[in-house]
Structures are given as C-alpha cells and as structure tokens.
Amino acid sequence: MKVRPRILLADDHTMLLEAFQRLLTPECEVVGTVGDGRALLDAARRLKPDVIVVDVSMPLLNGMDACRQLKPKLPATKWVFLTVNADPDVATEAIRLGASAYLLKSSAAAELFSAIQKALAGGQYVTPLITKGVPLTSFLGRTPQAQGDKLTARQREVLQLLAEGRLMKEVADILGVTARTVAFHKYAMMQELGVKTSAELVQYAVKQGLVGP
C-alpha cells in the first residue's frame, strides 16, 4: 500500500486553502489547514507533518519567519513555499532558510506535485517562472540585490504586527510581552534602520516582505 505524505497547508485565503486541499487529497493526506503564521507554529509542532505548503505573506507571522522558527525544531519536515511573490531574492532566501521548493500560485498543479515529490526525495526546486532558464545551482548561488536584514527575530515579529496596523497593546498581547517592551523594540528598530516615522518603518516591512504592499 502506497504511503501518502502528510501535508500541512498554510494560507490566509480560505477559498485557496479549500482548493489546495481538494487538489492534494487524492495523492496526499492533508493533516491540517491554518490561516496565519502563529497557528502554523502550533499546528506544525503538534502534527509534525512530512511537508508544509505555505504562503510567504500571512498575518501575525509571515511564512519566512515561521520557517526560521520551526526548521530547527522539525528538521525532517520539508517546506514548500506557494505564493504570489515572484521576487527572486525572496525565493533565494526561502531556500537558504531551509525550504525545499518555491512555486508561484500561477504554477500548474502538476508542478506542485512534482515539487512535493522532489522535496520528499531531498531535492530542491524553484519554479522556472522565477529562474527563467537559469540553472538552479547558478540561481541559488547568485548574490541577492536586496539589502540584508538588520533586525533580530523578535524585532521582525514586532515590526510585522505593527505594520499590519495593530496597536502596541495588541502586539504585546500576541507576543506575551509588555507594551513597554514593544515600544522599546519599535524605537530600537527605528534607530537601527535610520528611519524617523512609523510610515517609514512600514515601508521597510513591505520591502522586506514581512507584509504585503
């Protein structure tokens, strides 16, 4: 009897989650679906799936930072990013973080199945829609044009939540810290990045892919 891989789906669009679940169910066991990055942290630790299919942009915690946090704790779980973000630098960073594959939501269904199989076999895959004919080894070896991230993991969490329009008290409640701690992180980020306004801080968050434009 063929063993079906256990898949956890993470996307903040309910209709897409349902569509992906229907698509994958004949070949895979979909063990769970989640709509935000913090739910993903909880579900992944509890379910320990073979593969996580995840969007880059998600509320509360983006897919990239979720991968940063979970990969050391669940090293056997494979990560397949499925997103609308076609930025080559983001794809390169996802693979650097430990993802096995990076596809676009405009990719064909067969490409998703192929990427999952390649991930389970220990390989890597980036959709040709991004590599544009460049061999994968050359694509992954390129120097990203985006500036390097200057923030700590906790600062990135705070920045995403603030950029989503949440008040400091809301951010504090979500992260389990005080509002004073959130304020400390905010002003430390502004100093580190050389920005003077909250609007500039949000612009940085968008540029770094922490939130959608």
Protein backbone atom coordinates (compact mmCIF):
# COMPACT_ATOMS: atom_id res chain seq x y z
CA MET A 1 0.00 0.00 0.00
CA LYS A 2 1.35 3.39 -1.01
CA VAL A 3 2.13 5.68 1.94
CA ARG A 4 0.73 9.13 1.31
CA PRO A 5 2.81 12.09 2.55
CA ARG A 6 1.29 14.04 5.44
CA ILE A 7 0.75 17.68 4.38
CA LEU A 8 0.02 20.79 6.45
CA LEU A 9 -1.39 23.72 4.43
CA ALA A 10 -0.90 27.34 5.49
CA ASP A 11 -2.59 30.22 3.65
CA ASP A 12 -4.74 33.12 4.80
CA HIS A 13 -7.22 32.78 1.92
CA THR A 14 -9.90 30.24 2.88
CA MET A 15 -11.01 29.53 -0.69
CA LEU A 16 -7.44 28.81 -1.76
CA LEU A 17 -6.91 26.54 1.24
CA GLU A 18 -10.01 24.57 0.30
CA ALA A 19 -8.89 24.38 -3.34
CA PHE A 20 -5.38 23.19 -2.41
CA GLN A 21 -6.86 20.61 -0.05
CA ARG A 22 -9.11 19.20 -2.79
CA LEU A 23 -6.19 19.20 -5.21
CA LEU A 24 -3.78 17.36 -2.91
CA THR A 25 -6.12 14.92 -1.15
CA PRO A 26 -6.06 12.17 -3.84
CA GLU A 27 -2.26 11.84 -3.51
CA CYS A 28 -1.56 13.21 -0.02
CA GLU A 29 -3.01 13.15 3.49
CA VAL A 30 -3.83 16.75 4.39
CA VAL A 31 -3.48 16.64 8.19
CA GLY A 32 -4.41 20.27 8.80
CA THR A 33 -5.01 23.75 7.41
CA VAL A 34 -4.18 27.07 9.09
CA GLY A 35 -4.75 30.70 8.17
CA ASP A 36 -1.97 32.56 9.96
CA GLY A 37 1.66 32.10 10.91
CA ARG A 38 1.12 31.66 14.64
CA ALA A 39 -1.46 28.93 14.08
CA LEU A 40 1.13 27.34 11.80
CA LEU A 41 3.69 27.25 14.65
CA ASP A 42 1.21 25.44 16.90
CA ALA A 43 -0.11 23.02 14.26
CA ALA A 44 3.33 22.08 12.96
CA ARG A 45 4.67 21.27 16.43
CA ARG A 46 1.58 19.20 17.19
CA LEU A 47 1.14 17.39 13.86
CA LYS A 48 4.79 17.03 12.73
CA PRO A 49 3.87 16.82 9.02
CA ASP A 50 6.12 15.48 6.29
CA VAL A 51 5.61 18.65 4.23
CA ILE A 52 4.40 22.17 5.00
CA VAL A 53 2.96 24.01 1.98
CA VAL A 54 2.99 27.67 2.99
CA ASP A 55 2.47 31.18 1.66
CA VAL A 56 5.15 33.84 2.16
CA SER A 57 2.71 36.54 3.25
CA MET A 58 0.47 35.58 6.19
CA PRO A 59 -0.99 37.56 9.11
CA LEU A 60 0.52 37.52 12.62
CA LEU A 61 3.70 35.80 11.41
CA ASN A 62 4.86 35.50 7.80
CA GLY A 63 5.86 32.19 6.26
CA MET A 64 9.55 33.02 6.12
CA ASP A 65 9.80 33.74 9.84
CA ALA A 66 7.67 30.70 10.64
CA CYS A 67 10.21 28.65 8.69
CA ARG A 68 13.05 30.31 10.61
CA GLN A 69 11.48 29.28 13.90
CA LEU A 70 10.28 25.79 13.03
CA LYS A 71 13.07 24.40 10.85
CA PRO A 72 15.49 23.80 13.77
CA LYS A 73 12.71 22.14 15.81
CA LEU A 74 11.34 19.98 12.95
CA PRO A 75 14.37 19.31 10.77
CA ALA A 76 12.75 16.39 8.93
CA THR A 77 9.75 18.44 7.77
CA LYS A 78 10.05 19.74 4.22
CA TRP A 79 8.96 23.27 3.31
CA VAL A 80 7.29 24.15 0.00
CA PHE A 81 6.50 27.84 -0.49
CA LEU A 82 3.47 28.53 -2.69
CA THR A 83 2.96 32.26 -3.14
CA VAL A 84 2.28 35.19 -5.47
CA ASN A 85 5.64 36.74 -4.54
CA ALA A 86 7.83 36.37 -7.62
CA ASP A 87 10.85 38.23 -6.21
CA PRO A 88 13.97 36.11 -6.95
CA ASP A 89 15.62 37.38 -3.76
CA VAL A 90 12.72 36.09 -1.67
CA ALA A 91 12.92 32.69 -3.39
CA THR A 92 16.68 32.53 -2.74
CA GLU A 93 16.18 33.48 0.91
CA ALA A 94 13.48 30.82 1.34
CA ILE A 95 15.83 28.11 0.11
CA ARG A 96 18.63 29.50 2.29
CA LEU A 97 16.35 29.19 5.31
CA GLY A 98 15.88 25.50 4.57
CA ALA A 99 12.90 25.37 2.21
CA SER A 100 12.95 22.64 -0.41
CA ALA A 101 10.82 24.35 -3.04
CA TYR A 102 9.42 27.72 -4.10
CA LEU A 103 6.48 27.98 -6.51
CA LEU A 104 4.00 30.61 -7.61
CA LYS A 105 0.26 30.29 -7.29
CA SER A 106 0.14 30.70 -11.06
CA SER A 107 2.18 27.49 -11.42
CA ALA A 108 0.46 24.40 -12.84
CA ALA A 109 -0.97 21.82 -10.43
CA ALA A 110 1.43 19.19 -11.76
CA GLU A 111 4.32 21.46 -10.77
CA LEU A 112 3.16 21.45 -7.13
CA PHE A 113 3.02 17.65 -7.03
CA SER A 114 6.46 17.48 -8.65
CA ALA A 115 7.89 19.94 -6.11
CA ILE A 116 6.48 17.96 -3.18
CA GLN A 117 7.94 14.72 -4.55
CA LYS A 118 11.31 16.37 -5.10
CA ALA A 119 11.24 17.80 -1.56
CA LEU A 120 10.45 14.40 -0.04
CA ALA A 121 13.35 12.92 -2.02
CA GLY A 122 15.72 15.50 -0.52
CA GLY A 123 15.95 17.72 -3.58
CA GLN A 124 15.35 21.42 -4.24
CA TYR A 125 13.09 23.14 -6.73
CA VAL A 126 12.36 26.73 -7.79
CA THR A 127 9.72 27.32 -10.46
CA PRO A 128 11.01 28.28 -13.93
CA LEU A 129 8.63 31.25 -13.71
CA ILE A 130 11.28 32.75 -11.41
CA THR A 131 14.56 31.14 -12.53
CA LYS A 132 13.71 31.96 -16.18
CA GLY A 133 16.01 29.30 -17.63
CA VAL A 134 18.95 29.88 -15.26
CA PRO A 135 20.19 26.53 -13.83
CA LEU A 136 19.07 26.07 -10.23
CA THR A 137 22.61 25.91 -8.82
CA SER A 138 23.51 29.18 -10.55
CA PHE A 139 20.23 30.80 -9.47
CA LEU A 140 20.72 29.87 -5.82
CA GLY A 141 24.36 30.95 -5.93
CA ARG A 142 23.56 34.47 -7.09
CA THR A 143 24.09 37.49 -4.85
CA PRO A 144 20.72 38.91 -3.73
CA GLN A 145 20.15 42.55 -4.60
CA ALA A 146 18.00 43.22 -1.54
CA GLN A 147 19.70 44.68 1.49
CA GLY A 148 20.45 42.25 4.27
CA ASP A 149 18.06 42.05 7.18
CA LYS A 150 19.32 44.13 10.10
CA LEU A 151 16.72 43.07 12.64
CA THR A 152 16.53 40.34 15.26
CA ALA A 153 13.85 37.64 15.06
CA ARG A 154 11.83 39.32 17.82
CA GLN A 155 12.09 42.72 16.13
CA ARG A 156 10.82 41.21 12.89
CA GLU A 157 7.81 39.82 14.76
CA VAL A 158 7.08 43.19 16.33
CA LEU A 159 7.55 45.00 13.02
CA GLN A 160 5.16 42.74 11.12
CA LEU A 161 2.42 43.16 13.71
CA LEU A 162 2.86 46.95 13.82
CA ALA A 163 2.89 47.09 10.01
CA GLU A 164 -0.41 45.17 10.00
CA GLY A 165 -1.87 48.16 11.88
CA ARG A 166 -2.05 46.64 15.35
CA LEU A 167 -1.74 48.82 18.43
CA MET A 168 1.22 48.33 20.78
CA LYS A 169 -1.03 46.71 23.39
CA GLU A 170 -2.36 44.24 20.79
CA VAL A 171 1.20 43.38 19.74
CA ALA A 172 2.16 42.91 23.39
CA ASP A 173 -0.80 40.56 23.99
CA ILE A 174 0.02 38.46 20.90
CA LEU A 175 3.70 38.13 21.81
CA GLY A 176 3.16 37.76 25.54
CA VAL A 177 5.26 40.80 26.47
CA THR A 178 4.55 44.25 27.88
CA ALA A 179 3.59 47.28 25.80
CA ARG A 180 6.76 48.93 27.08
CA THR A 181 8.82 46.11 25.57
CA VAL A 182 7.07 46.57 22.23
CA ALA A 183 7.81 50.31 22.34
CA PHE A 184 11.45 49.56 23.14
CA HIS A 185 11.72 47.27 20.09
CA LYS A 186 9.98 49.82 17.86
CA TYR A 187 12.33 52.65 18.70
CA ALA A 188 15.39 50.38 18.61
CA MET A 189 14.36 49.37 15.07
CA MET A 190 13.90 52.97 14.00
CA GLN A 191 17.36 53.80 15.28
CA GLU A 192 18.95 50.75 13.66
CA LEU A 193 17.28 51.41 10.30
CA GLY A 194 17.74 55.17 10.37
CA VAL A 195 14.03 55.94 9.92
CA LYS A 196 12.13 58.69 11.69
CA THR A 197 8.46 57.82 11.25
CA SER A 198 6.15 54.85 11.65
CA ALA A 199 5.29 55.15 7.95
CA GLU A 200 8.94 54.62 7.00
CA LEU A 201 9.02 51.60 9.29
CA VAL A 202 6.01 50.13 7.50
CA GLN A 203 7.67 50.79 4.12
CA TYR A 204 10.70 48.81 5.31
CA ALA A 205 8.40 45.95 6.39
CA VAL A 206 6.83 45.85 2.93
CA LYS A 207 10.24 45.94 1.22
CA GLN A 208 11.44 43.05 3.36
CA GLY A 209 8.32 41.01 2.53
CA LEU A 210 7.04 40.93 6.12
CA VAL A 211 3.67 42.22 4.94
CA GLY A 212 2.05 42.66 1.55
CA PRO A 213 2.13 46.04 -0.17
